[in-house]
PDB file of all heavy atoms in Angstrom:
ATOM      1  N   THR A   1      14.086  21.533   6.840  1.00  0.00           N
ATOM      2  CA  THR A   1      13.095  21.104   7.823  1.00  0.00           C
ATOM      3  C   THR A   1      11.971  20.393   7.080  1.00  0.00           C
ATOM      4  O   THR A   1      11.448  20.916   6.095  1.00  0.00           O
ATOM      5  CB  THR A   1      12.523  22.310   8.581  1.00  0.00           C
ATOM      6  OG1 THR A   1      13.596  22.977   9.236  1.00  0.00           O
ATOM      7  CG2 THR A   1      11.503  21.861   9.611  1.00  0.00           C
ATOM      8  N   VAL A   2      11.608  19.200   7.532  1.00  0.00           N
ATOM      9  CA  VAL A   2      10.632  18.406   6.802  1.00  0.00           C
ATOM     10  C   VAL A   2       9.470  18.032   7.715  1.00  0.00           C
ATOM     11  O   VAL A   2       9.523  18.186   8.935  1.00  0.00           O
ATOM     12  CB  VAL A   2      11.276  17.132   6.229  1.00  0.00           C
ATOM     13  CG1 VAL A   2      12.367  17.478   5.231  1.00  0.00           C
ATOM     14  CG2 VAL A   2      11.840  16.261   7.354  1.00  0.00           C
ATOM     15  N   GLY A   3       8.429  17.520   7.127  1.00  0.00           N
ATOM     16  CA  GLY A   3       7.258  17.084   7.876  1.00  0.00           C
ATOM     17  C   GLY A   3       6.012  17.198   7.029  1.00  0.00           C
ATOM     18  O   GLY A   3       6.040  17.694   5.899  1.00  0.00           O
ATOM     19  N   GLU A   4       4.895  16.716   7.584  1.00  0.00           N
ATOM     20  CA  GLU A   4       3.614  16.802   6.903  1.00  0.00           C
ATOM     21  C   GLU A   4       2.862  18.057   7.351  1.00  0.00           C
ATOM     22  O   GLU A   4       2.939  18.450   8.510  1.00  0.00           O
ATOM     23  CB  GLU A   4       2.740  15.593   7.231  1.00  0.00           C
ATOM     24  CG  GLU A   4       3.143  14.318   6.542  1.00  0.00           C
ATOM     25  CD  GLU A   4       2.041  13.266   6.632  1.00  0.00           C
ATOM     26  OE1 GLU A   4       0.998  13.531   7.259  1.00  0.00           O
ATOM     27  OE2 GLU A   4       2.233  12.176   6.071  1.00  0.00           O
ATOM     28  N   PRO A   5       2.096  18.663   6.439  1.00  0.00           N
ATOM     29  CA  PRO A   5       1.172  19.710   6.876  1.00  0.00           C
ATOM     30  C   PRO A   5       0.041  19.102   7.700  1.00  0.00           C
ATOM     31  O   PRO A   5      -0.101  17.878   7.779  1.00  0.00           O
ATOM     32  CB  PRO A   5       0.671  20.302   5.556  1.00  0.00           C
ATOM     33  CG  PRO A   5       0.837  19.206   4.562  1.00  0.00           C
ATOM     34  CD  PRO A   5       2.045  18.426   4.994  1.00  0.00           C
ATOM     35  N   ASP A   6      -0.778  19.933   8.289  1.00  0.00           N
ATOM     36  CA  ASP A   6      -1.844  19.450   9.166  1.00  0.00           C
ATOM     37  C   ASP A   6      -2.882  18.618   8.428  1.00  0.00           C
ATOM     38  O   ASP A   6      -3.460  17.688   8.994  1.00  0.00           O
ATOM     39  CB  ASP A   6      -2.541  20.628   9.856  1.00  0.00           C
ATOM     40  CG  ASP A   6      -1.637  21.327  10.860  1.00  0.00           C
ATOM     41  OD1 ASP A   6      -0.681  20.686  11.345  1.00  0.00           O
ATOM     42  OD2 ASP A   6      -1.875  22.518  11.141  1.00  0.00           O
ATOM     43  N   ASP A   7      -3.138  18.940   7.164  1.00  0.00           N
ATOM     44  CA  ASP A   7      -4.206  18.289   6.398  1.00  0.00           C
ATOM     45  C   ASP A   7      -3.612  17.683   5.136  1.00  0.00           C
ATOM     46  O   ASP A   7      -3.226  18.407   4.216  1.00  0.00           O
ATOM     47  CB  ASP A   7      -5.298  19.314   6.054  1.00  0.00           C
ATOM     48  CG  ASP A   7      -6.538  18.692   5.432  1.00  0.00           C
ATOM     49  OD1 ASP A   7      -6.524  17.485   5.131  1.00  0.00           O
ATOM     50  OD2 ASP A   7      -7.531  19.425   5.255  1.00  0.00           O
ATOM     51  N   VAL A   8      -3.504  16.346   5.113  1.00  0.00           N
ATOM     52  CA  VAL A   8      -2.980  15.637   3.946  1.00  0.00           C
ATOM     53  C   VAL A   8      -4.076  14.739   3.385  1.00  0.00           C
ATOM     54  O   VAL A   8      -4.707  13.975   4.124  1.00  0.00           O
ATOM     55  CB  VAL A   8      -1.748  14.786   4.304  1.00  0.00           C
ATOM     56  CG1 VAL A   8      -1.249  14.027   3.073  1.00  0.00           C
ATOM     57  CG2 VAL A   8      -0.634  15.659   4.865  1.00  0.00           C
ATOM     58  N   ARG A   9      -4.289  14.818   2.085  1.00  0.00           N
ATOM     59  CA  ARG A   9      -5.300  14.000   1.413  1.00  0.00           C
ATOM     60  C   ARG A   9      -4.631  13.194   0.309  1.00  0.00           C
ATOM     61  O   ARG A   9      -3.672  13.659  -0.309  1.00  0.00           O
ATOM     62  CB  ARG A   9      -6.423  14.883   0.876  1.00  0.00           C
ATOM     63  CG  ARG A   9      -7.019  15.759   1.983  1.00  0.00           C
ATOM     64  CD  ARG A   9      -8.145  16.630   1.517  1.00  0.00           C
ATOM     65  NE  ARG A   9      -8.531  17.568   2.577  1.00  0.00           N
ATOM     66  CZ  ARG A   9      -9.550  18.407   2.496  1.00  0.00           C
ATOM     67  NH1 ARG A   9     -10.310  18.442   1.395  1.00  0.00           N
ATOM     68  NH2 ARG A   9      -9.827  19.224   3.503  1.00  0.00           N
ATOM     69  N   GLU A  10      -5.138  11.994   0.073  1.00  0.00           N
ATOM     70  CA  GLU A  10      -4.447  11.061  -0.817  1.00  0.00           C
ATOM     71  C   GLU A  10      -5.120  10.990  -2.193  1.00  0.00           C
ATOM     72  O   GLU A  10      -6.355  10.965  -2.296  1.00  0.00           O
ATOM     73  CB  GLU A  10      -4.373   9.686  -0.169  1.00  0.00           C
ATOM     74  CG  GLU A  10      -3.512   9.706   1.103  1.00  0.00           C
ATOM     75  CD  GLU A  10      -3.268   8.334   1.696  1.00  0.00           C
ATOM     76  OE1 GLU A  10      -3.980   7.376   1.315  1.00  0.00           O
ATOM     77  OE2 GLU A  10      -2.368   8.211   2.549  1.00  0.00           O
ATOM     78  N   LEU A  11      -4.281  10.959  -3.205  1.00  0.00           N
ATOM     79  CA  LEU A  11      -4.717  10.914  -4.594  1.00  0.00           C
ATOM     80  C   LEU A  11      -4.875   9.469  -5.069  1.00  0.00           C
ATOM     81  O   LEU A  11      -4.135   8.584  -4.644  1.00  0.00           O
ATOM     82  CB  LEU A  11      -3.701  11.615  -5.485  1.00  0.00           C
ATOM     83  CG  LEU A  11      -3.457  13.100  -5.209  1.00  0.00           C
ATOM     84  CD1 LEU A  11      -2.181  13.568  -5.898  1.00  0.00           C
ATOM     85  CD2 LEU A  11      -4.654  13.935  -5.669  1.00  0.00           C
ATOM     86  N   THR A  12      -5.819   9.256  -5.979  1.00  0.00           N
ATOM     87  CA  THR A  12      -6.006   7.944  -6.590  1.00  0.00           C
ATOM     88  C   THR A  12      -6.008   8.077  -8.105  1.00  0.00           C
ATOM     89  O   THR A  12      -6.381   9.122  -8.656  1.00  0.00           O
ATOM     90  CB  THR A  12      -7.321   7.298  -6.134  1.00  0.00           C
ATOM     91  OG1 THR A  12      -8.417   8.171  -6.468  1.00  0.00           O
ATOM     92  CG2 THR A  12      -7.304   7.038  -4.635  1.00  0.00           C
ATOM     93  N   ASP A  13      -5.599   7.019  -8.777  1.00  0.00           N
ATOM     94  CA  ASP A  13      -5.533   7.017 -10.238  1.00  0.00           C
ATOM     95  C   ASP A  13      -6.925   7.239 -10.825  1.00  0.00           C
ATOM     96  O   ASP A  13      -7.897   6.606 -10.430  1.00  0.00           O
ATOM     97  CB  ASP A  13      -4.973   5.676 -10.714  1.00  0.00           C
ATOM     98  CG  ASP A  13      -4.790   5.628 -12.219  1.00  0.00           C
ATOM     99  OD1 ASP A  13      -4.302   6.619 -12.792  1.00  0.00           O
ATOM    100  OD2 ASP A  13      -5.149   4.592 -12.835  1.00  0.00           O
ATOM    101  N   GLY A  14      -7.002   8.168 -11.779  1.00  0.00           N
ATOM    102  CA  GLY A  14      -8.253   8.432 -12.461  1.00  0.00           C
ATOM    103  C   GLY A  14      -9.187   9.372 -11.733  1.00  0.00           C
ATOM    104  O   GLY A  14     -10.271   9.695 -12.254  1.00  0.00           O
ATOM    105  N   ALA A  15      -8.802   9.836 -10.546  1.00  0.00           N
ATOM    106  CA  ALA A  15      -9.675  10.736  -9.785  1.00  0.00           C
ATOM    107  C   ALA A  15      -9.849  12.060 -10.525  1.00  0.00           C
ATOM    108  O   ALA A  15      -8.924  12.558 -11.181  1.00  0.00           O
ATOM    109  CB  ALA A  15      -9.097  10.995  -8.401  1.00  0.00           C
ATOM    110  N   LEU A  16     -11.038  12.623 -10.425  1.00  0.00           N
ATOM    111  CA  LEU A  16     -11.299  13.958 -10.949  1.00  0.00           C
ATOM    112  C   LEU A  16     -11.399  14.918  -9.776  1.00  0.00           C
ATOM    113  O   LEU A  16     -12.313  14.817  -8.952  1.00  0.00           O
ATOM    114  CB  LEU A  16     -12.588  13.977 -11.764  1.00  0.00           C
ATOM    115  CG  LEU A  16     -12.995  15.361 -12.313  1.00  0.00           C
ATOM    116  CD1 LEU A  16     -11.943  15.891 -13.284  1.00  0.00           C
ATOM    117  CD2 LEU A  16     -14.372  15.292 -12.968  1.00  0.00           C
ATOM    118  N   LEU A  17     -10.448  15.833  -9.692  1.00  0.00           N
ATOM    119  CA  LEU A  17     -10.450  16.845  -8.644  1.00  0.00           C
ATOM    120  C   LEU A  17     -11.136  18.092  -9.177  1.00  0.00           C
ATOM    121  O   LEU A  17     -10.757  18.627 -10.225  1.00  0.00           O
ATOM    122  CB  LEU A  17      -9.025  17.189  -8.212  1.00  0.00           C
ATOM    123  CG  LEU A  17      -8.155  16.051  -7.687  1.00  0.00           C
ATOM    124  CD1 LEU A  17      -6.774  16.587  -7.330  1.00  0.00           C
ATOM    125  CD2 LEU A  17      -8.800  15.361  -6.496  1.00  0.00           C
ATOM    126  N   GLU A  18     -12.139  18.556  -8.465  1.00  0.00           N
ATOM    127  CA  GLU A  18     -12.804  19.806  -8.814  1.00  0.00           C
ATOM    128  C   GLU A  18     -12.465  20.813  -7.725  1.00  0.00           C
ATOM    129  O   GLU A  18     -13.049  20.823  -6.646  1.00  0.00           O
ATOM    130  CB  GLU A  18     -14.310  19.589  -8.952  1.00  0.00           C
ATOM    131  CG  GLU A  18     -14.631  18.614 -10.082  1.00  0.00           C
ATOM    132  CD  GLU A  18     -16.094  18.577 -10.453  1.00  0.00           C
ATOM    133  OE1 GLU A  18     -16.705  19.667 -10.603  1.00  0.00           O
ATOM    134  OE2 GLU A  18     -16.642  17.473 -10.584  1.00  0.00           O
ATOM    135  N   LEU A  19     -11.472  21.628  -8.017  1.00  0.00           N
ATOM    136  CA  LEU A  19     -10.914  22.568  -7.050  1.00  0.00           C
ATOM    137  C   LEU A  19     -10.744  23.931  -7.709  1.00  0.00           C
ATOM    138  O   LEU A  19     -10.274  24.015  -8.853  1.00  0.00           O
ATOM    139  CB  LEU A  19      -9.548  22.074  -6.552  1.00  0.00           C
ATOM    140  CG  LEU A  19      -9.501  20.724  -5.825  1.00  0.00           C
ATOM    141  CD1 LEU A  19      -8.056  20.251  -5.711  1.00  0.00           C
ATOM    142  CD2 LEU A  19     -10.131  20.854  -4.448  1.00  0.00           C
ATOM    143  N   ALA A  20     -11.077  24.977  -7.006  1.00  0.00           N
ATOM    144  CA  ALA A  20     -10.851  26.347  -7.479  1.00  0.00           C
ATOM    145  C   ALA A  20     -11.489  26.596  -8.841  1.00  0.00           C
ATOM    146  O   ALA A  20     -10.963  27.359  -9.650  1.00  0.00           O
ATOM    147  CB  ALA A  20      -9.351  26.645  -7.539  1.00  0.00           C
ATOM    148  N   GLY A  21     -12.611  25.953  -9.114  1.00  0.00           N
ATOM    149  CA  GLY A  21     -13.258  26.127 -10.403  1.00  0.00           C
ATOM    150  C   GLY A  21     -12.560  25.411 -11.540  1.00  0.00           C
ATOM    151  O   GLY A  21     -12.885  25.630 -12.713  1.00  0.00           O
ATOM    152  N   LEU A  22     -11.606  24.542 -11.214  1.00  0.00           N
ATOM    153  CA  LEU A  22     -10.861  23.775 -12.200  1.00  0.00           C
ATOM    154  C   LEU A  22     -11.260  22.301 -12.123  1.00  0.00           C
ATOM    155  O   LEU A  22     -11.667  21.816 -11.068  1.00  0.00           O
ATOM    156  CB  LEU A  22      -9.356  23.882 -11.944  1.00  0.00           C
ATOM    157  CG  LEU A  22      -8.754  25.281 -11.901  1.00  0.00           C
ATOM    158  CD1 LEU A  22      -7.362  25.226 -11.294  1.00  0.00           C
ATOM    159  CD2 LEU A  22      -8.711  25.891 -13.295  1.00  0.00           C
ATOM    160  N   LYS A  23     -11.104  21.598 -13.238  1.00  0.00           N
ATOM    161  CA  LYS A  23     -11.259  20.155 -13.262  1.00  0.00           C
ATOM    162  C   LYS A  23      -9.911  19.550 -13.631  1.00  0.00           C
ATOM    163  O   LYS A  23      -9.373  19.826 -14.715  1.00  0.00           O
ATOM    164  CB  LYS A  23     -12.332  19.734 -14.263  1.00  0.00           C
ATOM    165  CG  LYS A  23     -13.733  20.164 -13.860  1.00  0.00           C
ATOM    166  CD  LYS A  23     -14.792  19.642 -14.823  1.00  0.00           C
ATOM    167  CE  LYS A  23     -16.185  20.033 -14.372  1.00  0.00           C
ATOM    168  NZ  LYS A  23     -17.239  19.534 -15.298  1.00  0.00           N
ATOM    169  N   LEU A  24      -9.359  18.750 -12.727  1.00  0.00           N
ATOM    170  CA  LEU A  24      -8.032  18.175 -12.906  1.00  0.00           C
ATOM    171  C   LEU A  24      -8.127  16.666 -12.757  1.00  0.00           C
ATOM    172  O   LEU A  24      -8.550  16.161 -11.709  1.00  0.00           O
ATOM    173  CB  LEU A  24      -7.065  18.734 -11.865  1.00  0.00           C
ATOM    174  CG  LEU A  24      -6.810  20.241 -11.945  1.00  0.00           C
ATOM    175  CD1 LEU A  24      -6.542  20.811 -10.567  1.00  0.00           C
ATOM    176  CD2 LEU A  24      -5.634  20.520 -12.863  1.00  0.00           C
ATOM    177  N   THR A  25      -7.731  15.945 -13.804  1.00  0.00           N
ATOM    178  CA  THR A  25      -7.718  14.489 -13.753  1.00  0.00           C
ATOM    179  C   THR A  25      -6.361  14.013 -13.278  1.00  0.00           C
ATOM    180  O   THR A  25      -5.319  14.471 -13.768  1.00  0.00           O
ATOM    181  CB  THR A  25      -8.029  13.889 -15.131  1.00  0.00           C
ATOM    182  OG1 THR A  25      -9.338  14.304 -15.527  1.00  0.00           O
ATOM    183  CG2 THR A  25      -7.983  12.361 -15.085  1.00  0.00           C
ATOM    184  N   VAL A  26      -6.365  13.101 -12.326  1.00  0.00           N
ATOM    185  CA  VAL A  26      -5.146  12.530 -11.756  1.00  0.00           C
ATOM    186  C   VAL A  26      -4.823  11.233 -12.487  1.00  0.00           C
ATOM    187  O   VAL A  26      -5.681  10.358 -12.618  1.00  0.00           O
ATOM    188  CB  VAL A  26      -5.332  12.231 -10.257  1.00  0.00           C
ATOM    189  CG1 VAL A  26      -4.059  11.627  -9.669  1.00  0.00           C
ATOM    190  CG2 VAL A  26      -5.746  13.490  -9.502  1.00  0.00           C
ATOM    191  N   ASP A  27      -3.581  11.108 -12.953  1.00  0.00           N
ATOM    192  CA  ASP A  27      -3.113   9.844 -13.529  1.00  0.00           C
ATOM    193  C   ASP A  27      -1.891   9.368 -12.750  1.00  0.00           C
ATOM    194  O   ASP A  27      -0.881  10.074 -12.679  1.00  0.00           O
ATOM    195  CB  ASP A  27      -2.751  10.013 -15.010  1.00  0.00           C
ATOM    196  CG  ASP A  27      -3.975  10.179 -15.880  1.00  0.00           C
ATOM    197  OD1 ASP A  27      -4.834   9.273 -15.882  1.00  0.00           O
ATOM    198  OD2 ASP A  27      -4.079  11.220 -16.558  1.00  0.00           O
ATOM    199  N   HIS A  28      -1.993   8.186 -12.154  1.00  0.00           N
ATOM    200  CA  HIS A  28      -0.845   7.587 -11.494  1.00  0.00           C
ATOM    201  C   HIS A  28       0.185   7.232 -12.565  1.00  0.00           C
ATOM    202  O   HIS A  28      -0.137   6.590 -13.566  1.00  0.00           O
ATOM    203  CB  HIS A  28      -1.302   6.331 -10.742  1.00  0.00           C
ATOM    204  CG  HIS A  28      -0.245   5.708  -9.904  1.00  0.00           C
ATOM    205  ND1 HIS A  28      -0.224   4.360  -9.617  1.00  0.00           N
ATOM    206  CD2 HIS A  28       0.841   6.233  -9.279  1.00  0.00           C
ATOM    207  CE1 HIS A  28       0.821   4.091  -8.851  1.00  0.00           C
ATOM    208  NE2 HIS A  28       1.483   5.210  -8.633  1.00  0.00           N
ATOM    209  N   ALA A  29       1.423   7.661 -12.369  1.00  0.00           N
ATOM    210  CA  ALA A  29       2.464   7.511 -13.389  1.00  0.00           C
ATOM    211  C   ALA A  29       3.773   7.076 -12.747  1.00  0.00           C
ATOM    212  O   ALA A  29       4.761   7.820 -12.734  1.00  0.00           O
ATOM    213  CB  ALA A  29       2.647   8.826 -14.153  1.00  0.00           C
ATOM    214  N   PRO A  30       3.831   5.863 -12.179  1.00  0.00           N
ATOM    215  CA  PRO A  30       5.050   5.430 -11.493  1.00  0.00           C
ATOM    216  C   PRO A  30       6.225   5.273 -12.440  1.00  0.00           C
ATOM    217  O   PRO A  30       6.066   5.132 -13.644  1.00  0.00           O
ATOM    218  CB  PRO A  30       4.635   4.079 -10.894  1.00  0.00           C
ATOM    219  CG  PRO A  30       3.508   3.606 -11.756  1.00  0.00           C
ATOM    220  CD  PRO A  30       2.781   4.842 -12.179  1.00  0.00           C
ATOM    221  N   GLY A  31       7.406   5.301 -11.846  1.00  0.00           N
ATOM    222  CA  GLY A  31       8.644   5.161 -12.614  1.00  0.00           C
ATOM    223  C   GLY A  31       9.722   6.055 -12.048  1.00  0.00           C
ATOM    224  O   GLY A  31      10.805   5.599 -11.694  1.00  0.00           O
ATOM    225  N   HIS A  32       9.449   7.353 -11.967  1.00  0.00           N
ATOM    226  CA  HIS A  32      10.376   8.261 -11.292  1.00  0.00           C
ATOM    227  C   HIS A  32      10.337   7.983  -9.787  1.00  0.00           C
ATOM    228  O   HIS A  32      11.369   7.908  -9.126  1.00  0.00           O
ATOM    229  CB  HIS A  32       9.988   9.699 -11.605  1.00  0.00           C
ATOM    230  CG  HIS A  32      10.857  10.728 -10.953  1.00  0.00           C
ATOM    231  ND1 HIS A  32      12.213  10.830 -11.203  1.00  0.00           N
ATOM    232  CD2 HIS A  32      10.566  11.698 -10.049  1.00  0.00           C
ATOM    233  CE1 HIS A  32      12.717  11.814 -10.483  1.00  0.00           C
ATOM    234  NE2 HIS A  32      11.741  12.352  -9.772  1.00  0.00           N
ATOM    235  N   THR A  33       9.141   7.881  -9.254  1.00  0.00           N
ATOM    236  CA  THR A  33       8.891   7.348  -7.917  1.00  0.00           C
ATOM    237  C   THR A  33       7.682   6.433  -8.022  1.00  0.00           C
ATOM    238  O   THR A  33       6.948   6.459  -9.017  1.00  0.00           O
ATOM    239  CB  THR A  33       8.583   8.454  -6.881  1.00  0.00           C
ATOM    240  OG1 THR A  33       7.325   9.065  -7.220  1.00  0.00           O
ATOM    241  CG2 THR A  33       9.669   9.511  -6.833  1.00  0.00           C
ATOM    242  N   LYS A  34       7.422   5.657  -6.977  1.00  0.00           N
ATOM    243  CA  LYS A  34       6.273   4.755  -7.013  1.00  0.00           C
ATOM    244  C   LYS A  34       4.955   5.517  -6.991  1.00  0.00           C
ATOM    245  O   LYS A  34       3.951   5.040  -7.519  1.00  0.00           O
ATOM    246  CB  LYS A  34       6.338   3.785  -5.834  1.00  0.00           C
ATOM    247  CG  LYS A  34       7.450   2.752  -5.950  1.00  0.00           C
ATOM    248  CD  LYS A  34       7.407   1.778  -4.777  1.00  0.00           C
ATOM    249  CE  LYS A  34       8.498   0.725  -4.926  1.00  0.00           C
ATOM    250  NZ  LYS A  34       8.475  -0.246  -3.793  1.00  0.00           N
ATOM    251  N   GLY A  35       4.948   6.694  -6.366  1.00  0.00           N
ATOM    252  CA  GLY A  35       3.719   7.457  -6.238  1.00  0.00           C
ATOM    253  C   GLY A  35       3.631   8.674  -7.130  1.00  0.00           C
ATOM    254  O   GLY A  35       2.829   9.578  -6.865  1.00  0.00           O
ATOM    255  N   SER A  36       4.414   8.736  -8.192  1.00  0.00           N
ATOM    256  CA  SER A  36       4.333   9.872  -9.113  1.00  0.00           C
ATOM    257  C   SER A  36       2.958   9.933  -9.775  1.00  0.00           C
ATOM    258  O   SER A  36       2.372   8.904 -10.130  1.00  0.00           O
ATOM    259  CB  SER A  36       5.404   9.760 -10.200  1.00  0.00           C
ATOM    260  OG  SER A  36       6.691   9.994  -9.703  1.00  0.00           O
ATOM    261  N   VAL A  37       2.451  11.148  -9.931  1.00  0.00           N
ATOM    262  CA  VAL A  37       1.193  11.370 -10.634  1.00  0.00           C
ATOM    263  C   VAL A  37       1.355  12.558 -11.573  1.00  0.00           C
ATOM    264  O   VAL A  37       2.296  13.354 -11.452  1.00  0.00           O
ATOM    265  CB  VAL A  37       0.014  11.651  -9.673  1.00  0.00           C
ATOM    266  CG1 VAL A  37      -0.198  10.501  -8.710  1.00  0.00           C
ATOM    267  CG2 VAL A  37       0.207  12.970  -8.922  1.00  0.00           C
ATOM    268  N   THR A  38       0.421  12.668 -12.504  1.00  0.00           N
ATOM    269  CA  THR A  38       0.287  13.874 -13.319  1.00  0.00           C
ATOM    270  C   THR A  38      -1.113  14.437 -13.093  1.00  0.00           C
ATOM    271  O   THR A  38      -2.023  13.738 -12.641  1.00  0.00           O
ATOM    272  CB  THR A  38       0.493  13.599 -14.815  1.00  0.00           C
ATOM    273  OG1 THR A  38      -0.552  12.729 -15.285  1.00  0.00           O
ATOM    274  CG2 THR A  38       1.847  12.953 -15.068  1.00  0.00           C
ATOM    275  N   PHE A  39      -1.265  15.712 -13.414  1.00  0.00           N
ATOM    276  CA  PHE A  39      -2.563  16.379 -13.365  1.00  0.00           C
ATOM    277  C   PHE A  39      -2.827  16.964 -14.746  1.00  0.00           C
ATOM    278  O   PHE A  39      -1.968  17.643 -15.307  1.00  0.00           O
ATOM    279  CB  PHE A  39      -2.568  17.510 -12.331  1.00  0.00           C
ATOM    280  CG  PHE A  39      -2.205  17.075 -10.942  1.00  0.00           C
ATOM    281  CD1 PHE A  39      -0.922  17.292 -10.446  1.00  0.00           C
ATOM    282  CD2 PHE A  39      -3.122  16.434 -10.124  1.00  0.00           C
ATOM    283  CE1 PHE A  39      -0.577  16.886  -9.157  1.00  0.00           C
ATOM    284  CE2 PHE A  39      -2.787  16.021  -8.844  1.00  0.00           C
ATOM    285  CZ  PHE A  39      -1.513  16.252  -8.355  1.00  0.00           C
ATOM    286  N   ARG A  40      -4.017  16.707 -15.297  1.00  0.00           N
ATOM    287  CA  ARG A  40      -4.326  17.259 -16.622  1.00  0.00           C
ATOM    288  C   ARG A  40      -5.687  17.935 -16.619  1.00  0.00           C
ATOM    289  O   ARG A  40      -6.619  17.515 -15.945  1.00  0.00           O
ATOM    290  CB  ARG A  40      -4.254  16.186 -17.702  1.00  0.00           C
ATOM    291  CG  ARG A  40      -5.102  14.959 -17.471  1.00  0.00           C
ATOM    292  CD  ARG A  40      -4.856  13.906 -18.554  1.00  0.00           C
ATOM    293  NE  ARG A  40      -5.423  12.619 -18.182  1.00  0.00           N
ATOM    294  CZ  ARG A  40      -6.657  12.226 -18.472  1.00  0.00           C
ATOM    295  NH1 ARG A  40      -7.452  13.037 -19.158  1.00  0.00           N
ATOM    296  NH2 ARG A  40      -7.106  11.042 -18.095  1.00  0.00           N
ATOM    297  N   THR A  41      -5.739  19.020 -17.371  1.00  0.00           N
ATOM    298  CA  THR A  41      -6.981  19.769 -17.524  1.00  0.00           C
ATOM    299  C   THR A  41      -7.580  19.452 -18.887  1.00  0.00           C
ATOM    300  O   THR A  41      -6.854  19.138 -19.841  1.00  0.00           O
ATOM    301  CB  THR A  41      -6.735  21.278 -17.426  1.00  0.00           C
ATOM    302  OG1 THR A  41      -5.979  21.718 -18.566  1.00  0.00           O
ATOM    303  CG2 THR A  41      -5.974  21.624 -16.153  1.00  0.00           C
ATOM    304  N   PRO A  42      -8.893  19.539 -19.024  1.00  0.00           N
ATOM    305  CA  PRO A  42      -9.509  19.312 -20.338  1.00  0.00           C
ATOM    306  C   PRO A  42      -9.336  20.519 -21.239  1.00  0.00           C
ATOM    307  O   PRO A  42      -9.036  21.625 -20.784  1.00  0.00           O
ATOM    308  CB  PRO A  42     -10.984  19.098 -19.985  1.00  0.00           C
ATOM    309  CG  PRO A  42     -11.183  19.913 -18.741  1.00  0.00           C
ATOM    310  CD  PRO A  42      -9.891  19.820 -17.975  1.00  0.00           C
ATOM    311  N   ALA A  43      -9.517  20.281 -22.530  1.00  0.00           N
ATOM    312  CA  ALA A  43      -9.528  21.398 -23.464  1.00  0.00           C
ATOM    313  C   ALA A  43     -10.766  22.248 -23.217  1.00  0.00           C
ATOM    314  O   ALA A  43     -11.809  21.754 -22.791  1.00  0.00           O
ATOM    315  CB  ALA A  43      -9.519  20.877 -24.899  1.00  0.00           C
ATOM    316  N   ALA A  44     -10.631  23.534 -23.443  1.00  0.00           N
ATOM    317  CA  ALA A  44     -11.759  24.460 -23.357  1.00  0.00           C
ATOM    318  C   ALA A  44     -11.725  25.346 -24.588  1.00  0.00           C
ATOM    319  O   ALA A  44     -10.792  25.271 -25.395  1.00  0.00           O
ATOM    320  CB  ALA A  44     -11.663  25.285 -22.079  1.00  0.00           C
ATOM    321  N   GLN A  45     -12.728  26.175 -24.750  1.00  0.00           N
ATOM    322  CA  GLN A  45     -12.796  27.029 -25.925  1.00  0.00           C
ATOM    323  C   GLN A  45     -11.544  27.899 -26.033  1.00  0.00           C
ATOM    324  O   GLN A  45     -11.248  28.681 -25.132  1.00  0.00           O
ATOM    325  CB  GLN A  45     -14.045  27.912 -25.866  1.00  0.00           C
ATOM    326  CG  GLN A  45     -14.250  28.743 -27.124  1.00  0.00           C
ATOM    327  CD  GLN A  45     -15.551  29.520 -27.078  1.00  0.00           C
ATOM    328  OE1 GLN A  45     -16.243  29.530 -26.065  1.00  0.00           O
ATOM    329  NE2 GLN A  45     -15.896  30.177 -28.181  1.00  0.00           N
TER     330      GLN A  45
END
């Protein structure tokens, strides 16, 4: 069974998501699909 959830938000290349006390940088990484992305966290102590 497929479909969208009620609340869908769109990612952009280079965006910094600050969620749940985390900082996640979005990198658009096409190739596997056109809209593939990665999420990376910064180094911490």
